[in-house]
Amino acid sequence: MICQSKSRSCKLCGSFEQGIFSELPEKELKQLAVYRTANHYNRKQIIFYEGNPALGLFCIRSGKVKLYKSNPEGKQQILRILKEGDTIGQSSLFSNQPLQATAEAIEDSEVCFLDKTGFLLILKNNSSVALKLLRGLSQELIQAEGKALDLAYKSARVRFAELLLTFKEAFGVSEKGSQRLNISLSREELAQTVGTTVETLVRLLSEFRKDGLIEVDKRNISILEPEKLLELTSSGY
């Protein structure tokens, strides 16, 4: 069930300073609030489906969201894991195309929705927002192109090591000489993110654990040897 909550000021968002609206003056922030609603999603709830019309911009206030595409057989490929402060749906807004992926909460999350009319008005009057948005779109394109190349040429072992290091930067929490990944994904979701089978993913988890690179406790993963993981990613395609 989706619960609409009171729309609080953007300044109360924990990642406001890193977000695309951080340089807006108070007057513009109040205008933005007119077009914004905040919704609570429980774990596994769908925020939007691939093919839905692009009616606005989604901003993650808290929690984590996976963005994925499905093939005709229903097999999923996770494109990105998004966290607090990230935005979703901007590429479809500018291309006037339906949303190109499905967004699902992987933990209880609060997601703000900014109506397209209000968002474009803010964008038109504030070059700082436009520049941050362009920077984000460019990074998405670079990552998408890189992922396509990785799937074609890199082994699943190298891709998994790279994913762990990416998660370390985004979700790592220092804990007793290791980096605990503050994100809980099933084996299937990890496989969908790496672009491999569940069987291969389970084997890689076992190998990395035996090699002393990681610790695994159910869905919890801690990185013990980030330098060795980095060496593994440098081994080539």
C-alpha atoms as a PDB file:
ATOM      1  CA  MET A   1       0.000   0.000   0.000  1.00  0.00           C
ATOM      2  CA  ILE A   2       1.291   3.450  -0.941  1.00  0.00           C
ATOM      3  CA  CYS A   3       0.903   6.038   1.803  1.00  0.00           C
ATOM      4  CA  GLN A   4       1.073   9.727   1.031  1.00  0.00           C
ATOM      5  CA  SER A   5       2.828  11.688   3.741  1.00  0.00           C
ATOM      6  CA  LYS A   6       3.019  15.360   4.460  1.00  0.00           C
ATOM      7  CA  SER A   7       5.374  17.035   2.000  1.00  0.00           C
ATOM      8  CA  ARG A   8       8.207  18.455   4.083  1.00  0.00           C
ATOM      9  CA  SER A   9      10.733  21.041   2.987  1.00  0.00           C
ATOM     10  CA  CYS A  10      13.487  19.787   0.688  1.00  0.00           C
ATOM     11  CA  LYS A  11      15.968  21.253   3.167  1.00  0.00           C
ATOM     12  CA  LEU A  12      14.960  18.564   5.662  1.00  0.00           C
ATOM     13  CA  CYS A  13      16.141  15.851   3.287  1.00  0.00           C
ATOM     14  CA  GLY A  14      19.356  14.268   4.575  1.00  0.00           C
ATOM     15  CA  SER A  15      21.003  14.538   1.150  1.00  0.00           C
ATOM     16  CA  PHE A  16      19.722  18.007   0.259  1.00  0.00           C
ATOM     17  CA  GLU A  17      23.222  19.471  -0.115  1.00  0.00           C
ATOM     18  CA  GLN A  18      24.137  16.800  -2.695  1.00  0.00           C
ATOM     19  CA  GLY A  19      20.836  16.990  -4.562  1.00  0.00           C
ATOM     20  CA  ILE A  20      19.992  18.879  -7.743  1.00  0.00           C
ATOM     21  CA  PHE A  21      17.919  21.488  -5.892  1.00  0.00           C
ATOM     22  CA  SER A  22      20.548  22.465  -3.302  1.00  0.00           C
ATOM     23  CA  GLU A  23      21.278  25.864  -4.877  1.00  0.00           C
ATOM     24  CA  LEU A  24      17.668  26.969  -5.199  1.00  0.00           C
ATOM     25  CA  PRO A  25      16.738  30.113  -3.231  1.00  0.00           C
ATOM     26  CA  GLU A  26      14.041  29.835  -0.573  1.00  0.00           C
ATOM     27  CA  LYS A  27      11.405  31.338  -2.859  1.00  0.00           C
ATOM     28  CA  GLU A  28      11.995  28.674  -5.502  1.00  0.00           C
ATOM     29  CA  LEU A  29      11.990  25.901  -2.913  1.00  0.00           C
ATOM     30  CA  LYS A  30       8.562  27.017  -1.742  1.00  0.00           C
ATOM     31  CA  GLN A  31       7.364  27.033  -5.353  1.00  0.00           C
ATOM     32  CA  LEU A  32       8.765  23.540  -5.841  1.00  0.00           C
ATOM     33  CA  ALA A  33       6.832  22.296  -2.796  1.00  0.00           C
ATOM     34  CA  VAL A  34       3.552  23.254  -4.504  1.00  0.00           C
ATOM     35  CA  TYR A  35       4.199  20.660  -7.227  1.00  0.00           C
ATOM     36  CA  ARG A  36       5.644  17.955  -4.958  1.00  0.00           C
ATOM     37  CA  THR A  37       4.083  15.058  -3.058  1.00  0.00           C
ATOM     38  CA  ALA A  38       5.833  12.557  -0.786  1.00  0.00           C
ATOM     39  CA  ASN A  39       4.852   8.874  -0.807  1.00  0.00           C
ATOM     40  CA  HIS A  40       5.885   5.976   1.400  1.00  0.00           C
ATOM     41  CA  TYR A  41       6.587   2.602  -0.224  1.00  0.00           C
ATOM     42  CA  ASN A  42       7.048  -0.640   1.641  1.00  0.00           C
ATOM     43  CA  ARG A  43       9.780  -3.080   0.641  1.00  0.00           C
ATOM     44  CA  LYS A  44       8.997  -4.761  -2.704  1.00  0.00           C
ATOM     45  CA  GLN A  45       6.374  -2.175  -3.679  1.00  0.00           C
ATOM     46  CA  ILE A  46       6.504  -0.900  -7.239  1.00  0.00           C
ATOM     47  CA  ILE A  47       6.985   2.853  -7.611  1.00  0.00           C
ATOM     48  CA  PHE A  48       6.373   2.822 -11.352  1.00  0.00           C
ATOM     49  CA  TYR A  49       6.362   0.311 -14.191  1.00  0.00           C
ATOM     50  CA  GLU A  50       8.306   0.229 -17.418  1.00  0.00           C
ATOM     51  CA  GLY A  51       6.031   1.698 -20.096  1.00  0.00           C
ATOM     52  CA  ASN A  52       4.188   4.072 -17.762  1.00  0.00           C
ATOM     53  CA  PRO A  53       3.881   7.658 -19.056  1.00  0.00           C
ATOM     54  CA  ALA A  54       6.566  10.017 -17.760  1.00  0.00           C
ATOM     55  CA  LEU A  55       4.536  12.485 -15.705  1.00  0.00           C
ATOM     56  CA  GLY A  56       7.274  13.905 -13.515  1.00  0.00           C
ATOM     57  CA  LEU A  57      10.497  13.426 -11.595  1.00  0.00           C
ATOM     58  CA  PHE A  58      10.981  11.036  -8.664  1.00  0.00           C
ATOM     59  CA  CYS A  59      13.401  11.919  -5.858  1.00  0.00           C
ATOM     60  CA  ILE A  60      14.393   9.397  -3.184  1.00  0.00           C
ATOM     61  CA  ARG A  61      14.132  11.021   0.242  1.00  0.00           C
ATOM     62  CA  SER A  62      15.018   7.862   2.173  1.00  0.00           C
ATOM     63  CA  GLY A  63      15.525   4.168   1.476  1.00  0.00           C
ATOM     64  CA  LYS A  64      16.814   2.329  -1.585  1.00  0.00           C
ATOM     65  CA  VAL A  65      15.255   1.536  -4.954  1.00  0.00           C
ATOM     66  CA  LYS A  66      16.215  -0.848  -7.740  1.00  0.00           C
ATOM     67  CA  LEU A  67      15.685   0.110 -11.367  1.00  0.00           C
ATOM     68  CA  TYR A  68      15.312  -2.813 -13.751  1.00  0.00           C
ATOM     69  CA  LYS A  69      14.170  -3.912 -17.195  1.00  0.00           C
ATOM     70  CA  SER A  70      12.404  -7.163 -18.029  1.00  0.00           C
ATOM     71  CA  ASN A  71      12.611  -9.257 -21.200  1.00  0.00           C
ATOM     72  CA  PRO A  72       9.524 -10.926 -22.755  1.00  0.00           C
ATOM     73  CA  GLU A  73      10.135 -14.024 -20.611  1.00  0.00           C
ATOM     74  CA  GLY A  74      10.056 -11.911 -17.446  1.00  0.00           C
ATOM     75  CA  LYS A  75      13.785 -12.177 -16.714  1.00  0.00           C
ATOM     76  CA  GLN A  76      15.052  -9.043 -14.990  1.00  0.00           C
ATOM     77  CA  GLN A  77      18.254  -7.071 -15.470  1.00  0.00           C
ATOM     78  CA  ILE A  78      18.923  -4.583 -12.679  1.00  0.00           C
ATOM     79  CA  LEU A  79      20.287  -1.395 -14.176  1.00  0.00           C
ATOM     80  CA  ARG A  80      21.003   0.604 -11.041  1.00  0.00           C
ATOM     81  CA  ILE A  81      20.543   0.645  -7.291  1.00  0.00           C
ATOM     82  CA  LEU A  82      19.454   4.109  -6.176  1.00  0.00           C
ATOM     83  CA  LYS A  83      19.714   5.644  -2.741  1.00  0.00           C
ATOM     84  CA  GLU A  84      18.725   8.729  -0.776  1.00  0.00           C
ATOM     85  CA  GLY A  85      19.189  11.871  -2.881  1.00  0.00           C
ATOM     86  CA  ASP A  86      19.054  10.144  -6.277  1.00  0.00           C
ATOM     87  CA  THR A  87      16.489  11.110  -8.909  1.00  0.00           C
ATOM     88  CA  ILE A  88      14.635   8.855 -11.351  1.00  0.00           C
ATOM     89  CA  GLY A  89      12.748   9.476 -14.577  1.00  0.00           C
ATOM     90  CA  GLN A  90      14.573  12.513 -15.932  1.00  0.00           C
ATOM     91  CA  SER A  91      15.677  10.911 -19.201  1.00  0.00           C
ATOM     92  CA  SER A  92      12.107   9.997 -20.162  1.00  0.00           C
ATOM     93  CA  LEU A  93      10.868  13.505 -19.347  1.00  0.00           C
ATOM     94  CA  PHE A  94      13.119  15.082 -21.955  1.00  0.00           C
ATOM     95  CA  SER A  95      12.667  12.417 -24.611  1.00  0.00           C
ATOM     96  CA  ASN A  96       8.856  12.411 -24.296  1.00  0.00           C
ATOM     97  CA  GLN A  97       9.054   8.618 -24.134  1.00  0.00           C
ATOM     98  CA  PRO A  98       7.390   6.257 -21.641  1.00  0.00           C
ATOM     99  CA  LEU A  99       9.444   5.277 -18.613  1.00  0.00           C
ATOM    100  CA  GLN A 100      12.109   2.851 -19.775  1.00  0.00           C
ATOM    101  CA  ALA A 101      12.404   0.702 -16.643  1.00  0.00           C
ATOM    102  CA  THR A 102      10.553  -0.420 -13.532  1.00  0.00           C
ATOM    103  CA  ALA A 103      11.383   1.033 -10.112  1.00  0.00           C
ATOM    104  CA  GLU A 104      10.857  -1.083  -6.985  1.00  0.00           C
ATOM    105  CA  ALA A 105      11.641  -0.308  -3.345  1.00  0.00           C
ATOM    106  CA  ILE A 106      14.158  -2.797  -1.948  1.00  0.00           C
ATOM    107  CA  GLU A 107      13.545  -1.478   1.570  1.00  0.00           C
ATOM    108  CA  ASP A 108      10.941   0.805   3.109  1.00  0.00           C
ATOM    109  CA  SER A 109      11.405   4.090   1.258  1.00  0.00           C
ATOM    110  CA  GLU A 110      10.030   7.600   1.010  1.00  0.00           C
ATOM    111  CA  VAL A 111       9.961   8.936  -2.529  1.00  0.00           C
ATOM    112  CA  CYS A 112       8.932  12.434  -3.575  1.00  0.00           C
ATOM    113  CA  PHE A 113       7.195  13.032  -6.884  1.00  0.00           C
ATOM    114  CA  LEU A 114       7.582  16.371  -8.656  1.00  0.00           C
ATOM    115  CA  ASP A 115       4.991  17.085 -11.323  1.00  0.00           C
ATOM    116  CA  LYS A 116       6.421  17.627 -14.808  1.00  0.00           C
ATOM    117  CA  THR A 117       4.916  21.112 -15.124  1.00  0.00           C
ATOM    118  CA  GLY A 118       6.508  22.298 -11.905  1.00  0.00           C
ATOM    119  CA  PHE A 119       9.817  20.615 -12.615  1.00  0.00           C
ATOM    120  CA  LEU A 120      10.169  22.162 -16.069  1.00  0.00           C
ATOM    121  CA  LEU A 121       9.264  25.570 -14.631  1.00  0.00           C
ATOM    122  CA  ILE A 122      11.989  25.269 -11.998  1.00  0.00           C
ATOM    123  CA  LEU A 123      14.422  24.033 -14.640  1.00  0.00           C
ATOM    124  CA  LYS A 124      13.664  26.915 -16.981  1.00  0.00           C
ATOM    125  CA  ASN A 125      14.424  29.526 -14.339  1.00  0.00           C
ATOM    126  CA  ASN A 126      17.466  27.925 -12.711  1.00  0.00           C
ATOM    127  CA  SER A 127      20.557  27.049 -14.715  1.00  0.00           C
ATOM    128  CA  SER A 128      22.215  25.374 -11.697  1.00  0.00           C
ATOM    129  CA  VAL A 129      19.503  22.695 -11.624  1.00  0.00           C
ATOM    130  CA  ALA A 130      19.790  22.197 -15.390  1.00  0.00           C
ATOM    131  CA  LEU A 131      23.577  21.776 -15.187  1.00  0.00           C
ATOM    132  CA  LYS A 132      23.360  19.240 -12.352  1.00  0.00           C
ATOM    133  CA  LEU A 133      20.711  17.341 -14.263  1.00  0.00           C
ATOM    134  CA  LEU A 134      22.822  17.272 -17.425  1.00  0.00           C
ATOM    135  CA  ARG A 135      25.781  16.053 -15.412  1.00  0.00           C
ATOM    136  CA  GLY A 136      23.666  13.251 -13.986  1.00  0.00           C
ATOM    137  CA  LEU A 137      22.309  12.265 -17.404  1.00  0.00           C
ATOM    138  CA  SER A 138      25.849  12.177 -18.803  1.00  0.00           C
ATOM    139  CA  GLN A 139      26.997   9.904 -15.986  1.00  0.00           C
ATOM    140  CA  GLU A 140      24.034   7.589 -16.594  1.00  0.00           C
ATOM    141  CA  LEU A 141      24.929   7.337 -20.279  1.00  0.00           C
ATOM    142  CA  ILE A 142      28.586   6.620 -19.537  1.00  0.00           C
ATOM    143  CA  GLN A 143      27.625   3.948 -16.993  1.00  0.00           C
ATOM    144  CA  ALA A 144      25.144   2.337 -19.390  1.00  0.00           C
ATOM    145  CA  GLU A 145      27.725   2.185 -22.175  1.00  0.00           C
ATOM    146  CA  GLY A 146      30.322   0.794 -19.774  1.00  0.00           C
ATOM    147  CA  LYS A 147      27.945  -1.857 -18.486  1.00  0.00           C
ATOM    148  CA  ALA A 148      27.138  -3.004 -22.020  1.00  0.00           C
ATOM    149  CA  LEU A 149      30.850  -3.399 -22.725  1.00  0.00           C
ATOM    150  CA  ASP A 150      31.437  -5.198 -19.431  1.00  0.00           C
ATOM    151  CA  LEU A 151      28.656  -7.709 -20.122  1.00  0.00           C
ATOM    152  CA  ALA A 152      30.161  -8.432 -23.505  1.00  0.00           C
ATOM    153  CA  TYR A 153      33.804  -8.849 -22.489  1.00  0.00           C
ATOM    154  CA  LYS A 154      34.369  -9.117 -18.727  1.00  0.00           C
ATOM    155  CA  SER A 155      33.984 -12.323 -16.768  1.00  0.00           C
ATOM    156  CA  ALA A 156      31.278 -12.626 -14.131  1.00  0.00           C
ATOM    157  CA  ARG A 157      34.043 -12.816 -11.511  1.00  0.00           C
ATOM    158  CA  VAL A 158      35.453  -9.424 -12.490  1.00  0.00           C
ATOM    159  CA  ARG A 159      31.986  -7.878 -12.775  1.00  0.00           C
ATOM    160  CA  PHE A 160      31.089  -9.104  -9.298  1.00  0.00           C
ATOM    161  CA  ALA A 161      34.298  -7.676  -7.838  1.00  0.00           C
ATOM    162  CA  GLU A 162      33.524  -4.335  -9.487  1.00  0.00           C
ATOM    163  CA  LEU A 163      29.981  -4.401  -8.110  1.00  0.00           C
ATOM    164  CA  LEU A 164      31.251  -5.013  -4.580  1.00  0.00           C
ATOM    165  CA  LEU A 165      33.625  -2.052  -4.858  1.00  0.00           C
ATOM    166  CA  THR A 166      30.838   0.129  -6.239  1.00  0.00           C
ATOM    167  CA  PHE A 167      28.611  -0.885  -3.330  1.00  0.00           C
ATOM    168  CA  LYS A 168      31.484  -0.170  -0.937  1.00  0.00           C
ATOM    169  CA  GLU A 169      31.628   3.436  -2.135  1.00  0.00           C
ATOM    170  CA  ALA A 170      27.862   3.916  -2.054  1.00  0.00           C
ATOM    171  CA  PHE A 171      26.799   1.830   0.942  1.00  0.00           C
ATOM    172  CA  GLY A 172      29.946   0.882   2.860  1.00  0.00           C
ATOM    173  CA  VAL A 173      29.997   1.285   6.654  1.00  0.00           C
ATOM    174  CA  SER A 174      33.293   0.881   8.541  1.00  0.00           C
ATOM    175  CA  GLU A 175      32.994  -1.906  11.063  1.00  0.00           C
ATOM    176  CA  LYS A 176      35.789  -3.744  12.903  1.00  0.00           C
ATOM    177  CA  GLY A 177      38.390  -3.440  10.166  1.00  0.00           C
ATOM    178  CA  SER A 178      35.989  -4.245   7.350  1.00  0.00           C
ATOM    179  CA  GLN A 179      33.429  -2.468   5.212  1.00  0.00           C
ATOM    180  CA  ARG A 180      29.911  -3.740   5.801  1.00  0.00           C
ATOM    181  CA  LEU A 181      27.622  -3.129   2.843  1.00  0.00           C
ATOM    182  CA  ASN A 182      24.506  -1.412   4.158  1.00  0.00           C
ATOM    183  CA  ILE A 183      22.275  -2.918   1.505  1.00  0.00           C
ATOM    184  CA  SER A 184      20.295  -6.148   1.567  1.00  0.00           C
ATOM    185  CA  LEU A 185      19.830  -7.934  -1.760  1.00  0.00           C
ATOM    186  CA  SER A 186      18.769 -11.505  -2.430  1.00  0.00           C
ATOM    187  CA  ARG A 187      21.063 -13.827  -4.354  1.00  0.00           C
ATOM    188  CA  GLU A 188      18.749 -13.425  -7.329  1.00  0.00           C
ATOM    189  CA  GLU A 189      18.951  -9.626  -7.170  1.00  0.00           C
ATOM    190  CA  LEU A 190      22.742  -9.740  -6.934  1.00  0.00           C
ATOM    191  CA  ALA A 191      22.835 -12.026  -9.975  1.00  0.00           C
ATOM    192  CA  GLN A 192      20.513  -9.668 -11.875  1.00  0.00           C
ATOM    193  CA  THR A 193      22.804  -6.743 -11.057  1.00  0.00           C
ATOM    194  CA  VAL A 194      25.958  -8.579 -12.129  1.00  0.00           C
ATOM    195  CA  GLY A 195      24.253  -9.989 -15.219  1.00  0.00           C
ATOM    196  CA  THR A 196      24.737 -13.676 -14.465  1.00  0.00           C
ATOM    197  CA  THR A 197      22.845 -16.693 -13.169  1.00  0.00           C
ATOM    198  CA  VAL A 198      21.993 -17.323  -9.528  1.00  0.00           C
ATOM    199  CA  GLU A 199      24.120 -20.473  -9.614  1.00  0.00           C
ATOM    200  CA  THR A 200      27.180 -18.544 -10.789  1.00  0.00           C
ATOM    201  CA  LEU A 201      26.572 -15.796  -8.222  1.00  0.00           C
ATOM    202  CA  VAL A 202      26.378 -18.328  -5.373  1.00  0.00           C
ATOM    203  CA  ARG A 203      29.601 -19.927  -6.570  1.00  0.00           C
ATOM    204  CA  LEU A 204      31.336 -16.523  -6.681  1.00  0.00           C
ATOM    205  CA  LEU A 205      30.190 -15.691  -3.166  1.00  0.00           C
ATOM    206  CA  SER A 206      31.644 -18.987  -1.959  1.00  0.00           C
ATOM    207  CA  GLU A 207      34.938 -18.435  -3.808  1.00  0.00           C
ATOM    208  CA  PHE A 208      35.348 -14.853  -2.589  1.00  0.00           C
ATOM    209  CA  ARG A 209      34.631 -15.961   0.966  1.00  0.00           C
ATOM    210  CA  LYS A 210      37.164 -18.830   0.789  1.00  0.00           C
ATOM    211  CA  ASP A 211      39.741 -16.400  -0.624  1.00  0.00           C
ATOM    212  CA  GLY A 212      39.231 -14.123   2.386  1.00  0.00           C
ATOM    213  CA  LEU A 213      37.931 -11.235   0.298  1.00  0.00           C
ATOM    214  CA  ILE A 214      34.504 -11.012   1.933  1.00  0.00           C
ATOM    215  CA  GLU A 215      32.383 -12.253   4.805  1.00  0.00           C
ATOM    216  CA  VAL A 216      28.816 -13.386   4.141  1.00  0.00           C
ATOM    217  CA  ASP A 217      26.023 -13.705   6.696  1.00  0.00           C
ATOM    218  CA  LYS A 218      22.754 -14.450   4.928  1.00  0.00           C
ATOM    219  CA  ARG A 219      22.087 -11.248   2.930  1.00  0.00           C
ATOM    220  CA  ASN A 220      24.815  -9.276   4.699  1.00  0.00           C
ATOM    221  CA  ILE A 221      28.177  -8.872   2.975  1.00  0.00           C
ATOM    222  CA  SER A 222      31.310  -7.297   4.432  1.00  0.00           C
ATOM    223  CA  ILE A 223      34.395  -6.506   2.366  1.00  0.00           C
ATOM    224  CA  LEU A 224      37.626  -7.610   4.056  1.00  0.00           C
ATOM    225  CA  GLU A 225      40.214  -6.996   1.317  1.00  0.00           C
ATOM    226  CA  PRO A 226      39.205  -4.088  -0.961  1.00  0.00           C
ATOM    227  CA  GLU A 227      42.732  -3.820  -2.350  1.00  0.00           C
ATOM    228  CA  LYS A 228      42.663  -7.423  -3.539  1.00  0.00           C
ATOM    229  CA  LEU A 229      39.246  -6.865  -5.100  1.00  0.00           C
ATOM    230  CA  LEU A 230      40.695  -3.872  -6.911  1.00  0.00           C
ATOM    231  CA  GLU A 231      43.587  -6.000  -8.150  1.00  0.00           C
ATOM    232  CA  LEU A 232      41.074  -8.505  -9.457  1.00  0.00           C
ATOM    233  CA  THR A 233      39.221  -5.812 -11.431  1.00  0.00           C
ATOM    234  CA  SER A 234      42.544  -4.704 -12.935  1.00  0.00           C
ATOM    235  CA  SER A 235      43.150  -8.139 -14.378  1.00  0.00           C
ATOM    236  CA  GLY A 236      41.436  -7.147 -17.618  1.00  0.00           C
ATOM    237  CA  TYR A 237      38.461  -8.449 -19.566  1.00  0.00           C
END
